[in-house]
Amino acid sequence: VNVSAYPVWRLKCQSGALRWQVKEVEFFLDQDCLFPVSDRTELTPFEQRFEAVVPSDTAANAFDGDLLTEWAADCSDCKEGESSIGAQGADPFYVKCMRLTQADYGIHQCFSVSL
């Protein structure tokens, strides 16, 4: 649980993955995952490639509420900490709970994620 509000939050794959794939990311204002951040502020999704933050249309797939769409990391054999996805809010916001839905296949999942 983080107690500080930030305008930008991201998930970083710490374990590495074969083209990390994320179906959905949800940030919540409370510890019980009841109040989505997106109800309070508009979120602009982005992905991070090699230390550069890049606006991304495909990153929006991970924040659209649709489990049939997904975002995939730009790297094909992502090393530890190489790929990340996140969202920027119009104002700083708290994240006290996060829900992550990854690809169905284990080779495209990240087994250690940091917020």
Foldseek 3Di string as FASTA:
>chain_A
DDDDWDQKDKKFQQAWFQFAKFQAKWFAQDQVRPHTPCVPWPKQKWKDAPNRIGRDPLLVNRHPPDSVGMHTFPDRGGHGRGIMMIIGTPDTGDGNDMDTDTDPDPRNHRPDMDD
